[in-house]
Every structure is written in C-alpha cells, then in structure tokens.
C-alpha atoms as a PDB file:
ATOM      1  CA  MET A   1     -28.594   0.459  -8.311  1.00  0.00           C
ATOM      2  CA  ASN A   2     -26.978  -0.986 -11.407  1.00  0.00           C
ATOM      3  CA  TYR A   3     -27.730  -4.501 -12.660  1.00  0.00           C
ATOM      4  CA  ALA A   4     -24.593  -6.111 -11.195  1.00  0.00           C
ATOM      5  CA  ASN A   5     -25.267  -4.737  -7.713  1.00  0.00           C
ATOM      6  CA  ARG A   6     -28.806  -6.169  -7.680  1.00  0.00           C
ATOM      7  CA  TRP A   7     -27.409  -9.588  -6.846  1.00  0.00           C
ATOM      8  CA  VAL A   8     -23.974  -8.715  -5.462  1.00  0.00           C
ATOM      9  CA  VAL A   9     -25.148  -6.443  -2.621  1.00  0.00           C
ATOM     10  CA  PRO A  10     -27.653  -8.952  -1.152  1.00  0.00           C
ATOM     11  CA  LEU A  11     -25.009 -11.683  -1.430  1.00  0.00           C
ATOM     12  CA  ILE A  12     -22.435  -9.490   0.284  1.00  0.00           C
ATOM     13  CA  MET A  13     -24.803  -8.472   3.059  1.00  0.00           C
ATOM     14  CA  ALA A  14     -25.724 -12.129   3.601  1.00  0.00           C
ATOM     15  CA  SER A  15     -22.027 -13.024   3.756  1.00  0.00           C
ATOM     16  CA  ILE A  16     -21.342 -10.245   6.244  1.00  0.00           C
ATOM     17  CA  SER A  17     -24.231 -11.431   8.386  1.00  0.00           C
ATOM     18  CA  ALA A  18     -23.419 -15.149   8.068  1.00  0.00           C
ATOM     19  CA  PHE A  19     -19.776 -14.729   8.995  1.00  0.00           C
ATOM     20  CA  GLY A  20     -20.480 -12.222  11.745  1.00  0.00           C
ATOM     21  CA  LEU A  21     -18.105  -9.751  10.169  1.00  0.00           C
ATOM     22  CA  ASN A  22     -17.543  -6.313  11.599  1.00  0.00           C
ATOM     23  CA  SER A  23     -15.544  -3.309  10.525  1.00  0.00           C
ATOM     24  CA  THR A  24     -13.204  -3.040  13.507  1.00  0.00           C
ATOM     25  CA  ALA A  25     -10.325  -5.052  12.021  1.00  0.00           C
ATOM     26  CA  THR A  26      -6.921  -3.453  11.738  1.00  0.00           C
ATOM     27  CA  ALA A  27      -3.767  -4.209   9.795  1.00  0.00           C
ATOM     28  CA  GLN A  28      -2.763  -6.522  12.660  1.00  0.00           C
ATOM     29  CA  ASP A  29      -5.658  -8.779  11.614  1.00  0.00           C
ATOM     30  CA  ILE A  30      -3.702  -9.647   8.477  1.00  0.00           C
ATOM     31  CA  ALA A  31      -0.450 -10.373  10.306  1.00  0.00           C
ATOM     32  CA  PRO A  32       2.409 -10.192   9.729  1.00  0.00           C
ATOM     33  CA  ALA A  33       2.600  -6.413   9.408  1.00  0.00           C
ATOM     34  CA  ALA A  34       1.417  -5.265   6.006  1.00  0.00           C
ATOM     35  CA  ALA A  35       3.153  -3.048   3.463  1.00  0.00           C
ATOM     36  CA  ALA A  36       1.964  -1.549   0.201  1.00  0.00           C
ATOM     37  CA  GLY A  37       2.645  -3.894  -2.700  1.00  0.00           C
ATOM     38  CA  GLU A  38       2.391  -7.064  -0.612  1.00  0.00           C
ATOM     39  CA  CYS A  39       0.234 -10.014  -1.557  1.00  0.00           C
ATOM     40  CA  ARG A  40      -2.668 -11.165   0.618  1.00  0.00           C
ATOM     41  CA  ALA A  41      -5.093 -14.050   0.077  1.00  0.00           C
ATOM     42  CA  VAL A  42      -8.803 -14.044   0.841  1.00  0.00           C
ATOM     43  CA  LYS A  43      -9.896 -16.266   3.760  1.00  0.00           C
ATOM     44  CA  HIS A  44     -13.428 -16.697   2.360  1.00  0.00           C
ATOM     45  CA  SER A  45     -15.616 -15.087  -0.296  1.00  0.00           C
ATOM     46  CA  THR A  46     -15.536 -11.320   0.192  1.00  0.00           C
ATOM     47  CA  PRO A  47     -16.182  -8.193  -1.884  1.00  0.00           C
ATOM     48  CA  ILE A  48     -13.923  -5.375  -2.960  1.00  0.00           C
ATOM     49  CA  PHE A  49     -15.858  -2.207  -2.071  1.00  0.00           C
ATOM     50  CA  SER A  50     -15.611   1.148  -3.833  1.00  0.00           C
ATOM     51  CA  GLU A  51     -15.237   2.959  -0.467  1.00  0.00           C
ATOM     52  CA  ARG A  52     -14.197   2.114   3.100  1.00  0.00           C
ATOM     53  CA  SER A  53     -17.677   0.956   4.086  1.00  0.00           C
ATOM     54  CA  ALA A  54     -19.757  -2.177   3.586  1.00  0.00           C
ATOM     55  CA  PRO A  55     -22.788  -0.252   2.279  1.00  0.00           C
ATOM     56  CA  SER A  56     -20.699   1.200  -0.592  1.00  0.00           C
ATOM     57  CA  PRO A  57     -21.012  -0.455  -4.022  1.00  0.00           C
ATOM     58  CA  ALA A  58     -19.240  -3.777  -4.483  1.00  0.00           C
ATOM     59  CA  LEU A  59     -16.824  -3.680  -7.402  1.00  0.00           C
ATOM     60  CA  ARG A  60     -15.956  -7.356  -7.465  1.00  0.00           C
ATOM     61  CA  LEU A  61     -16.575 -10.489  -5.432  1.00  0.00           C
ATOM     62  CA  LEU A  62     -13.439 -12.429  -4.513  1.00  0.00           C
ATOM     63  CA  GLY A  63     -13.429 -16.172  -3.887  1.00  0.00           C
ATOM     64  CA  THR A  64     -11.582 -18.123  -1.218  1.00  0.00           C
ATOM     65  CA  ASN A  65      -7.787 -17.903  -1.725  1.00  0.00           C
ATOM     66  CA  ASP A  66      -8.059 -15.245  -4.449  1.00  0.00           C
ATOM     67  CA  ARG A  67      -5.117 -12.861  -4.183  1.00  0.00           C
ATOM     68  CA  VAL A  68      -5.041  -9.106  -3.780  1.00  0.00           C
ATOM     69  CA  THR A  69      -2.181  -6.611  -3.747  1.00  0.00           C
ATOM     70  CA  LEU A  70      -2.240  -4.150  -0.859  1.00  0.00           C
ATOM     71  CA  ALA A  71      -2.205  -0.455  -1.785  1.00  0.00           C
ATOM     72  CA  GLU A  72      -1.349   0.661   1.761  1.00  0.00           C
ATOM     73  CA  GLY A  73       0.346  -0.711   4.852  1.00  0.00           C
ATOM     74  CA  SER A  74      -2.456  -0.109   7.313  1.00  0.00           C
ATOM     75  CA  GLY A  75      -6.160   0.352   6.992  1.00  0.00           C
ATOM     76  CA  THR A  76      -8.810   2.608   8.464  1.00  0.00           C
ATOM     77  CA  ASN A  77     -12.116   1.579  10.051  1.00  0.00           C
ATOM     78  CA  GLY A  78     -11.312  -2.081   9.434  1.00  0.00           C
ATOM     79  CA  PHE A  79     -10.794  -1.667   5.689  1.00  0.00           C
ATOM     80  CA  ILE A  80      -7.518  -1.780   3.774  1.00  0.00           C
ATOM     81  CA  ALA A  81      -6.968  -0.461   0.239  1.00  0.00           C
ATOM     82  CA  VAL A  82      -6.026  -2.898  -2.527  1.00  0.00           C
ATOM     83  CA  SER A  83      -4.610  -2.101  -5.961  1.00  0.00           C
ATOM     84  CA  SER A  84      -5.343  -5.386  -7.717  1.00  0.00           C
ATOM     85  CA  PRO A  85      -7.188  -7.251  -9.073  1.00  0.00           C
ATOM     86  CA  THR A  86      -9.358  -4.087  -8.803  1.00  0.00           C
ATOM     87  CA  ARG A  87      -8.681  -0.860  -6.924  1.00  0.00           C
ATOM     88  CA  GLY A  88     -10.921  -0.628  -3.874  1.00  0.00           C
ATOM     89  CA  TYR A  89     -11.235  -1.638  -0.222  1.00  0.00           C
ATOM     90  CA  VAL A  90     -11.475  -5.004   1.539  1.00  0.00           C
ATOM     91  CA  LEU A  91     -12.249  -5.831   5.150  1.00  0.00           C
ATOM     92  CA  ALA A  92      -8.788  -6.500   6.621  1.00  0.00           C
ATOM     93  CA  GLU A  93     -10.070  -9.349   8.792  1.00  0.00           C
ATOM     94  CA  ASN A  94     -10.928 -11.298   5.620  1.00  0.00           C
ATOM     95  CA  LEU A  95      -7.302 -11.419   4.467  1.00  0.00           C
ATOM     96  CA  LYS A  96      -4.394 -13.686   5.315  1.00  0.00           C
ATOM     97  CA  PRO A  97      -0.759 -13.774   4.185  1.00  0.00           C
ATOM     98  CA  CYS A  98      -0.279 -15.362   0.778  1.00  0.00           C
ATOM     99  CA  SER A  99       1.033 -18.901   0.943  1.00  0.00           C
ATOM    100  CA  SER A 100       4.636 -19.615   0.164  1.00  0.00           C
ATOM    101  CA  GLY A 101       5.778 -22.282  -2.243  1.00  0.00           C
ATOM    102  CA  PRO A 102       5.540 -21.873  -5.988  1.00  0.00           C
ATOM    103  CA  VAL A 103       3.924 -18.425  -5.762  1.00  0.00           C
ATOM    104  CA  GLY A 104       6.496 -17.312  -3.174  1.00  0.00           C
ATOM    105  CA  SER A 105       9.311 -18.247  -5.550  1.00  0.00           C
ATOM    106  CA  ARG A 106       7.728 -15.993  -8.198  1.00  0.00           C
ATOM    107  CA  CYS A 107       7.760 -12.943  -5.918  1.00  0.00           C
ATOM    108  CA  ARG A 108      10.175 -10.126  -6.777  1.00  0.00           C
ATOM    109  CA  ARG A 109      10.788  -6.686  -5.288  1.00  0.00           C
ATOM    110  CA  VAL A 110      11.423  -3.626  -7.476  1.00  0.00           C
ATOM    111  CA  ALA A 111      15.057  -2.567  -7.037  1.00  0.00           C
ATOM    112  CA  TYR A 112      15.029   0.116  -9.774  1.00  0.00           C
ATOM    113  CA  ALA A 113      15.022   3.676  -8.459  1.00  0.00           C
ATOM    114  CA  GLY A 114      15.805   5.676 -11.624  1.00  0.00           C
ATOM    115  CA  GLY A 115      12.405   6.767 -12.959  1.00  0.00           C
ATOM    116  CA  ALA A 116       9.945   9.188 -11.379  1.00  0.00           C
ATOM    117  CA  ASP A 117       7.103   6.711 -12.017  1.00  0.00           C
ATOM    118  CA  GLY A 118       9.071   3.679 -10.889  1.00  0.00           C
ATOM    119  CA  LEU A 119       9.317   0.625 -13.101  1.00  0.00           C
ATOM    120  CA  ILE A 120       6.897   0.909 -16.053  1.00  0.00           C
ATOM    121  CA  ILE A 121       4.661  -2.079 -16.854  1.00  0.00           C
ATOM    122  CA  ARG A 122       4.305  -2.501 -20.643  1.00  0.00           C
ATOM    123  CA  SER A 123       1.778  -4.542 -22.625  1.00  0.00           C
ATOM    124  CA  GLN A 124       4.605  -6.134 -24.670  1.00  0.00           C
ATOM    125  CA  PRO A 125       8.373  -6.542 -24.172  1.00  0.00           C
ATOM    126  CA  ASP A 126       9.006  -3.278 -26.017  1.00  0.00           C
ATOM    127  CA  PRO A 127       9.645   0.248 -24.644  1.00  0.00           C
ATOM    128  CA  ASP A 128       7.202   1.666 -27.224  1.00  0.00           C
ATOM    129  CA  SER A 129       4.281  -0.624 -26.271  1.00  0.00           C
ATOM    130  CA  VAL A 130       1.272   0.495 -24.214  1.00  0.00           C
ATOM    131  CA  ASN A 131       2.021   1.690 -20.673  1.00  0.00           C
ATOM    132  CA  ARG A 132      -0.166  -0.363 -18.277  1.00  0.00           C
ATOM    133  CA  GLY A 133       1.033   1.328 -15.094  1.00  0.00           C
ATOM    134  CA  ALA A 134       4.068   1.434 -12.859  1.00  0.00           C
ATOM    135  CA  VAL A 135       5.432  -0.135  -9.700  1.00  0.00           C
ATOM    136  CA  ALA A 136       7.407   1.942  -7.215  1.00  0.00           C
ATOM    137  CA  LEU A 137      10.798   1.149  -5.701  1.00  0.00           C
ATOM    138  CA  GLY A 138      10.389  -1.556  -3.037  1.00  0.00           C
ATOM    139  CA  SER A 139       6.989  -2.757  -4.317  1.00  0.00           C
ATOM    140  CA  ARG A 140       6.405  -6.429  -4.939  1.00  0.00           C
ATOM    141  CA  VAL A 141       5.533  -7.979  -8.277  1.00  0.00           C
ATOM    142  CA  LEU A 142       4.568 -11.550  -9.072  1.00  0.00           C
ATOM    143  CA  LEU A 143       6.239 -13.197 -12.047  1.00  0.00           C
ATOM    144  CA  SER A 144       3.886 -14.915 -14.475  1.00  0.00           C
ATOM    145  CA  THR A 145       5.955 -18.135 -14.446  1.00  0.00           C
ATOM    146  CA  ASP A 146       8.737 -19.884 -12.544  1.00  0.00           C
ATOM    147  CA  PRO A 147      11.302 -19.780 -13.982  1.00  0.00           C
ATOM    148  CA  ALA A 148      10.644 -16.270 -15.284  1.00  0.00           C
ATOM    149  CA  THR A 149       9.530 -15.693 -18.868  1.00  0.00           C
ATOM    150  CA  VAL A 150      12.304 -13.489 -20.290  1.00  0.00           C
ATOM    151  CA  ARG A 151      12.574 -11.785 -23.674  1.00  0.00           C
ATOM    152  CA  THR A 152      15.498  -9.762 -24.995  1.00  0.00           C
ATOM    153  CA  GLY A 153      14.618  -6.737 -27.121  1.00  0.00           C
ATOM    154  CA  PRO A 154      16.543  -5.687 -30.228  1.00  0.00           C
ATOM    155  CA  GLU A 155      18.426  -3.065 -28.198  1.00  0.00           C
ATOM    156  CA  GLY A 156      19.556  -5.781 -25.731  1.00  0.00           C
ATOM    157  CA  ARG A 157      17.161  -4.855 -22.911  1.00  0.00           C
ATOM    158  CA  ARG A 158      15.917  -7.847 -20.877  1.00  0.00           C
ATOM    159  CA  TRP A 159      12.154  -7.999 -20.261  1.00  0.00           C
ATOM    160  CA  ILE A 160      10.369 -10.110 -17.635  1.00  0.00           C
ATOM    161  CA  GLN A 161       6.683 -11.023 -17.794  1.00  0.00           C
ATOM    162  CA  ILE A 162       4.692 -10.343 -14.610  1.00  0.00           C
ATOM    163  CA  ALA A 163       1.189 -11.340 -13.499  1.00  0.00           C
ATOM    164  CA  GLU A 164       0.699  -8.845 -10.632  1.00  0.00           C
ATOM    165  CA  PRO A 165       0.019  -6.074  -9.747  1.00  0.00           C
ATOM    166  CA  THR A 166      -0.879  -5.697 -13.443  1.00  0.00           C
ATOM    167  CA  ALA A 167      -0.200  -8.295 -16.116  1.00  0.00           C
ATOM    168  CA  GLY A 168       2.477  -7.184 -18.555  1.00  0.00           C
ATOM    169  CA  TRP A 169       6.224  -6.819 -19.028  1.00  0.00           C
ATOM    170  CA  VAL A 170       8.841  -4.901 -17.049  1.00  0.00           C
ATOM    171  CA  SER A 171      12.386  -4.085 -18.043  1.00  0.00           C
ATOM    172  CA  ASN A 172      15.014  -5.935 -16.067  1.00  0.00           C
ATOM    173  CA  GLY A 173      17.808  -3.768 -17.445  1.00  0.00           C
ATOM    174  CA  PHE A 174      20.633  -4.468 -19.853  1.00  0.00           C
ATOM    175  CA  PRO A 175      23.294  -7.197 -19.698  1.00  0.00           C
ATOM    176  CA  GLY A 176      26.092  -6.073 -17.387  1.00  0.00           C
ATOM    177  CA  SER A 177      23.856  -3.661 -15.456  1.00  0.00           C
ATOM    178  CA  PRO A 178      22.195  -4.323 -12.099  1.00  0.00           C
ATOM    179  CA  SER A 179      18.837  -6.099 -12.221  1.00  0.00           C
ATOM    180  CA  ASN A 180      15.702  -3.975 -11.794  1.00  0.00           C
ATOM    181  CA  LEU A 181      14.158  -6.788  -9.697  1.00  0.00           C
ATOM    182  CA  SER A 182      15.415  -8.646  -6.644  1.00  0.00           C
ATOM    183  CA  ASN A 183      14.111 -11.739  -4.850  1.00  0.00           C
ATOM    184  CA  CYS A 184      11.547 -11.098  -2.122  1.00  0.00           C
ATOM    185  CA  PRO A 185      12.849 -11.550   1.413  1.00  0.00           C
END
C-alpha cells in the first residue's frame, strides 16, 4: 500500500461504515437521468476509486458539494465512472444533481461536430498551445467565469476559457460562423 492509501483507505472504510453505504445504487439514485459530460455534486465526503469496487485504491477524496463530471450515463454495481476532477469511479448514491444558479449559467454544451476528437481543450488561447484533451459533441463544459472570459487570437478565432472537464481554452469559432458552444438546456 502506498503512503497516501495508508490514511485514505481507513478513512474511506470508516465513511462507508458510518454512512451505511452499499454498492447497489444505480443511475436512478442520482436523478434526474444521467448522461456523460453532466455535472454532479457530492452529497458528503466520498472517494474516487480506481475500479468499480470499494476495496480498490482510492485516487482522491472528495468533500461535500465537490463537483464531478460523469464519464457515462449509467453505472454498474452501484458505481458510475467520472472523468474529472480525476478519472475513476464513485458510488452513484453519493451524488446529486449540481445546483443551478451561478454555476448553471456557466454551463455550455459542445455544438461543434467537425473534428474527430471533438472540441480540443488547449492550455492557452492559441491553436499551437498544448492539447489538454477534448470534449465530444453534446458534452457539457463549465465556463471559468460568468460572463465568459473570451480572447481573440491573431487569426480572428474566438477562444473561451473553461474550468471543466479540464481547465483550459476552447475555440468558439470565427466571427460570422456558428458558435462551437451552446447554452445548456
């Protein structure tokens, strides 16, 4: 067992015992129906596991109301995959829909369908900067600010800063072209 798991695993097992948690939760436990890319908040302190089982190593401990991004629409054996803040698995029964309000107004859905990888997340508002990942058509992203932080590159491309699923910048297209992001429903 590595150093971090020496204290995390006992804490997790105590939490599981104290809250009477089980692994029979389904996607319905995090109603409304879930979809990949959606935001969920943590009901109470809970770990992100490396596998779909509580005995697997804990990758990170989440606090109450911390947010995760779902990597799938439904789980298996009570666990659902998450893509951020760390890839892994969380007990579905420990999640709730993210609250609306200021965060809800920062939610956007990827409307760009042109690239094979989806919309590329860059480290800077520049097409030559480091690729930090991608978000597929229909996935949700969370803007870093409201109103959005926007930069225009030398070639005229509009860039928007996002906080989730990975912090960085995404292209929102060129003036006169359709936006690569739309408001969440």
